[in-house]
C-alpha atoms as a PDB file:
ATOM      1  CA  MET A   1      19.324  78.867  -8.566  1.00  0.00           C
ATOM      2  CA  LYS A   2      17.986  76.033  -6.010  1.00  0.00           C
ATOM      3  CA  VAL A   3      14.335  75.483  -5.554  1.00  0.00           C
ATOM      4  CA  GLY A   4      13.205  73.326  -2.608  1.00  0.00           C
ATOM      5  CA  LYS A   5      11.681  73.989   0.539  1.00  0.00           C
ATOM      6  CA  HIS A   6      13.697  77.432   0.362  1.00  0.00           C
ATOM      7  CA  VAL A   7      14.593  79.329  -2.871  1.00  0.00           C
ATOM      8  CA  ASP A   8      17.944  80.285  -3.273  1.00  0.00           C
ATOM      9  CA  GLY A   9      19.055  82.749  -5.980  1.00  0.00           C
ATOM     10  CA  THR A  10      19.442  86.268  -7.071  1.00  0.00           C
ATOM     11  CA  LEU A  11      16.367  88.488  -7.069  1.00  0.00           C
ATOM     12  CA  ASP A  12      16.213  88.812 -10.780  1.00  0.00           C
ATOM     13  CA  GLU A  13      16.285  84.784 -10.898  1.00  0.00           C
ATOM     14  CA  ILE A  14      13.286  84.413  -8.447  1.00  0.00           C
ATOM     15  CA  LYS A  15      11.246  87.104 -10.067  1.00  0.00           C
ATOM     16  CA  GLY A  16      11.919  85.252 -13.435  1.00  0.00           C
ATOM     17  CA  LEU A  17      10.814  81.837 -11.976  1.00  0.00           C
ATOM     18  CA  PHE A  18       7.537  83.079 -10.519  1.00  0.00           C
ATOM     19  CA  SER A  19       6.815  85.426 -13.568  1.00  0.00           C
ATOM     20  CA  SER A  20       7.480  82.685 -16.368  1.00  0.00           C
ATOM     21  CA  ASN A  21       5.421  79.958 -14.740  1.00  0.00           C
ATOM     22  CA  ASP A  22       2.569  82.317 -13.884  1.00  0.00           C
ATOM     23  CA  SER A  23       2.943  81.497  -9.942  1.00  0.00           C
ATOM     24  CA  ARG A  24       2.539  83.619  -7.070  1.00  0.00           C
ATOM     25  CA  LEU A  25       5.284  84.009  -4.648  1.00  0.00           C
ATOM     26  CA  LEU A  26       3.132  84.226  -1.465  1.00  0.00           C
ATOM     27  CA  GLU A  27       1.512  80.987  -2.345  1.00  0.00           C
ATOM     28  CA  PHE A  28       4.727  79.177  -2.912  1.00  0.00           C
ATOM     29  CA  LEU A  29       6.166  80.712   0.618  1.00  0.00           C
ATOM     30  CA  MET A  30       2.932  80.392   2.606  1.00  0.00           C
ATOM     31  CA  PRO A  31       0.616  77.448   1.090  1.00  0.00           C
ATOM     32  CA  GLU A  32      -1.258  76.950   4.271  1.00  0.00           C
ATOM     33  CA  ALA A  33      -2.722  80.482   4.086  1.00  0.00           C
ATOM     34  CA  PHE A  34      -4.139  79.969   0.566  1.00  0.00           C
ATOM     35  CA  GLN A  35      -5.845  76.570   1.333  1.00  0.00           C
ATOM     36  CA  ASP A  36      -9.585  76.731   1.031  1.00  0.00           C
ATOM     37  CA  SER A  37     -10.516  76.457   4.806  1.00  0.00           C
ATOM     38  CA  VAL A  38     -14.068  76.027   6.345  1.00  0.00           C
ATOM     39  CA  ARG A  39     -14.906  78.638   8.989  1.00  0.00           C
ATOM     40  CA  VAL A  40     -16.001  77.351  12.314  1.00  0.00           C
ATOM     41  CA  PHE A  41     -19.226  78.900  11.694  1.00  0.00           C
ATOM     42  CA  TRP A  42     -20.000  76.407   9.113  1.00  0.00           C
ATOM     43  CA  VAL A  43     -19.385  73.503  11.607  1.00  0.00           C
ATOM     44  CA  VAL A  44     -21.614  75.033  14.407  1.00  0.00           C
ATOM     45  CA  VAL A  45     -24.561  75.671  12.228  1.00  0.00           C
ATOM     46  CA  PRO A  46     -25.294  72.088  11.274  1.00  0.00           C
ATOM     47  CA  ALA A  47     -24.319  70.857  14.740  1.00  0.00           C
ATOM     48  CA  VAL A  48     -26.858  73.224  16.154  1.00  0.00           C
ATOM     49  CA  LEU A  49     -29.546  72.141  13.810  1.00  0.00           C
ATOM     50  CA  PHE A  50     -28.817  68.352  14.225  1.00  0.00           C
ATOM     51  CA  VAL A  51     -29.053  68.780  18.046  1.00  0.00           C
ATOM     52  CA  GLY A  52     -32.199  70.951  17.602  1.00  0.00           C
ATOM     53  CA  LEU A  53     -33.619  68.481  15.365  1.00  0.00           C
ATOM     54  CA  CYS A  54     -33.005  65.492  17.414  1.00  0.00           C
ATOM     55  CA  ILE A  55     -34.392  67.392  20.611  1.00  0.00           C
ATOM     56  CA  SER A  56     -37.558  68.400  18.891  1.00  0.00           C
ATOM     57  CA  LEU A  57     -37.793  64.954  17.100  1.00  0.00           C
ATOM     58  CA  ALA A  58     -37.533  62.986  20.773  1.00  0.00           C
ATOM     59  CA  TYR A  59     -40.393  65.197  21.912  1.00  0.00           C
ATOM     60  CA  TRP A  60     -42.576  65.422  18.795  1.00  0.00           C
ATOM     61  CA  LEU A  61     -42.295  61.647  17.970  1.00  0.00           C
ATOM     62  CA  SER A  62     -45.023  60.352  20.035  1.00  0.00           C
ATOM     63  CA  ILE A  63     -47.266  63.024  19.173  1.00  0.00           C
ATOM     64  CA  LEU A  64     -46.648  63.164  15.333  1.00  0.00           C
ATOM     65  CA  GLY A  65     -46.435  59.345  15.079  1.00  0.00           C
ATOM     66  CA  ARG A  66     -45.780  58.215  11.237  1.00  0.00           C
ATOM     67  CA  HIS A  67     -45.655  61.773  10.272  1.00  0.00           C
ATOM     68  CA  ALA A  68     -42.189  62.127  12.089  1.00  0.00           C
ATOM     69  CA  VAL A  69     -40.518  60.538   9.083  1.00  0.00           C
ATOM     70  CA  VAL A  70     -40.047  64.011   7.474  1.00  0.00           C
ATOM     71  CA  MET A  71     -37.997  65.311  10.689  1.00  0.00           C
ATOM     72  CA  VAL A  72     -36.053  62.002  10.839  1.00  0.00           C
ATOM     73  CA  VAL A  73     -35.211  62.454   7.009  1.00  0.00           C
ATOM     74  CA  LEU A  74     -34.227  66.119   7.608  1.00  0.00           C
ATOM     75  CA  ALA A  75     -32.107  65.214  10.725  1.00  0.00           C
ATOM     76  CA  ALA A  76     -30.171  62.588   8.900  1.00  0.00           C
ATOM     77  CA  ALA A  77     -29.556  65.171   5.887  1.00  0.00           C
ATOM     78  CA  VAL A  78     -28.172  67.622   8.373  1.00  0.00           C
ATOM     79  CA  ALA A  79     -26.109  65.026   9.962  1.00  0.00           C
ATOM     80  CA  VAL A  80     -24.564  64.053   6.566  1.00  0.00           C
ATOM     81  CA  TRP A  81     -23.878  67.796   6.174  1.00  0.00           C
ATOM     82  CA  LEU A  82     -22.260  67.981   9.508  1.00  0.00           C
ATOM     83  CA  VAL A  83     -20.222  64.856   8.903  1.00  0.00           C
ATOM     84  CA  ALA A  84     -19.099  66.268   5.408  1.00  0.00           C
ATOM     85  CA  VAL A  85     -18.079  69.882   6.771  1.00  0.00           C
ATOM     86  CA  VAL A  86     -16.189  68.237   9.832  1.00  0.00           C
ATOM     87  CA  HIS A  87     -14.285  66.356   7.158  1.00  0.00           C
ATOM     88  CA  ARG A  88     -13.588  69.236   5.063  1.00  0.00           C
ATOM     89  CA  LYS A  89     -12.513  71.359   7.849  1.00  0.00           C
ATOM     90  CA  TYR A  90     -10.302  69.108   9.799  1.00  0.00           C
ATOM     91  CA  GLN A  91      -9.434  66.395   7.128  1.00  0.00           C
ATOM     92  CA  LYS A  92      -8.942  63.603   9.887  1.00  0.00           C
ATOM     93  CA  PRO A  93     -10.808  60.311   9.183  1.00  0.00           C
ATOM     94  CA  GLY A  94     -10.859  59.428  12.673  1.00  0.00           C
ATOM     95  CA  LEU A  95     -12.570  62.450  13.701  1.00  0.00           C
ATOM     96  CA  THR A  96     -14.802  62.023  10.804  1.00  0.00           C
ATOM     97  CA  GLY A  97     -15.737  58.537  11.967  1.00  0.00           C
ATOM     98  CA  ILE A  98     -16.532  59.596  15.442  1.00  0.00           C
ATOM     99  CA  VAL A  99     -18.741  62.509  14.360  1.00  0.00           C
ATOM    100  CA  ALA A 100     -20.600  60.076  12.119  1.00  0.00           C
ATOM    101  CA  VAL A 101     -21.105  57.257  14.703  1.00  0.00           C
ATOM    102  CA  GLY A 102     -21.975  59.881  17.242  1.00  0.00           C
ATOM    103  CA  ALA A 103     -24.784  61.461  14.920  1.00  0.00           C
ATOM    104  CA  LEU A 104     -26.082  57.919  14.381  1.00  0.00           C
ATOM    105  CA  VAL A 105     -26.047  57.314  17.979  1.00  0.00           C
ATOM    106  CA  ILE A 106     -27.887  60.622  18.869  1.00  0.00           C
ATOM    107  CA  LEU A 107     -30.513  59.988  15.973  1.00  0.00           C
ATOM    108  CA  GLY A 108     -31.145  56.463  17.106  1.00  0.00           C
ATOM    109  CA  LEU A 109     -31.743  57.773  20.751  1.00  0.00           C
ATOM    110  CA  ALA A 110     -34.042  60.461  19.385  1.00  0.00           C
ATOM    111  CA  THR A 111     -36.072  58.299  17.437  1.00  0.00           C
ATOM    112  CA  GLN A 112     -36.187  55.528  20.240  1.00  0.00           C
ATOM    113  CA  THR A 113     -34.673  52.891  17.824  1.00  0.00           C
ATOM    114  CA  VAL A 114     -31.956  52.283  20.361  1.00  0.00           C
ATOM    115  CA  THR A 115     -32.265  52.889  24.204  1.00  0.00           C
ATOM    116  CA  LEU A 116     -29.299  54.153  26.274  1.00  0.00           C
ATOM    117  CA  GLU A 117     -29.321  50.607  28.097  1.00  0.00           C
ATOM    118  CA  GLN A 118     -28.699  48.791  24.742  1.00  0.00           C
ATOM    119  CA  LEU A 119     -25.882  51.218  23.918  1.00  0.00           C
ATOM    120  CA  LEU A 120     -24.131  50.468  27.154  1.00  0.00           C
ATOM    121  CA  ASP A 121     -24.530  46.722  26.962  1.00  0.00           C
ATOM    122  CA  ARG A 122     -22.808  47.104  23.405  1.00  0.00           C
ATOM    123  CA  ALA A 123     -20.151  49.307  24.489  1.00  0.00           C
ATOM    124  CA  ARG A 124     -19.389  46.769  27.416  1.00  0.00           C
ATOM    125  CA  ASP A 125     -19.241  43.772  24.966  1.00  0.00           C
ATOM    126  CA  LEU A 126     -17.049  45.747  22.435  1.00  0.00           C
ATOM    127  CA  ARG A 127     -14.794  46.387  25.627  1.00  0.00           C
ATOM    128  CA  LYS A 128     -14.086  42.504  26.240  1.00  0.00           C
END
């Protein structure tokens, strides 16, 4: 009997292999189907919440003044949630980094910590 990418052997040998090791044949043959994957819904929810919080933060920042700190902390927490979910779903460090930097930039713009002109100047400096 051979075990590798494919299992070669008689039916009794294959049954014995998987029953003696308390393994499941389908998990061996299709491991990607049994991976714990995150549904797209759980990526969309924090993204929509983050964008909604940033839009409302940009509007209410001048009205609420220093009481807007609660909204900033909440938006930062949702941004961390978004980055974690994106990393869990796609498992790509580059994509995770892009989402994290994008969330920081959007949060910075919403809180008026950084202006769009400053971001464009920084991008031009990085390009050189």
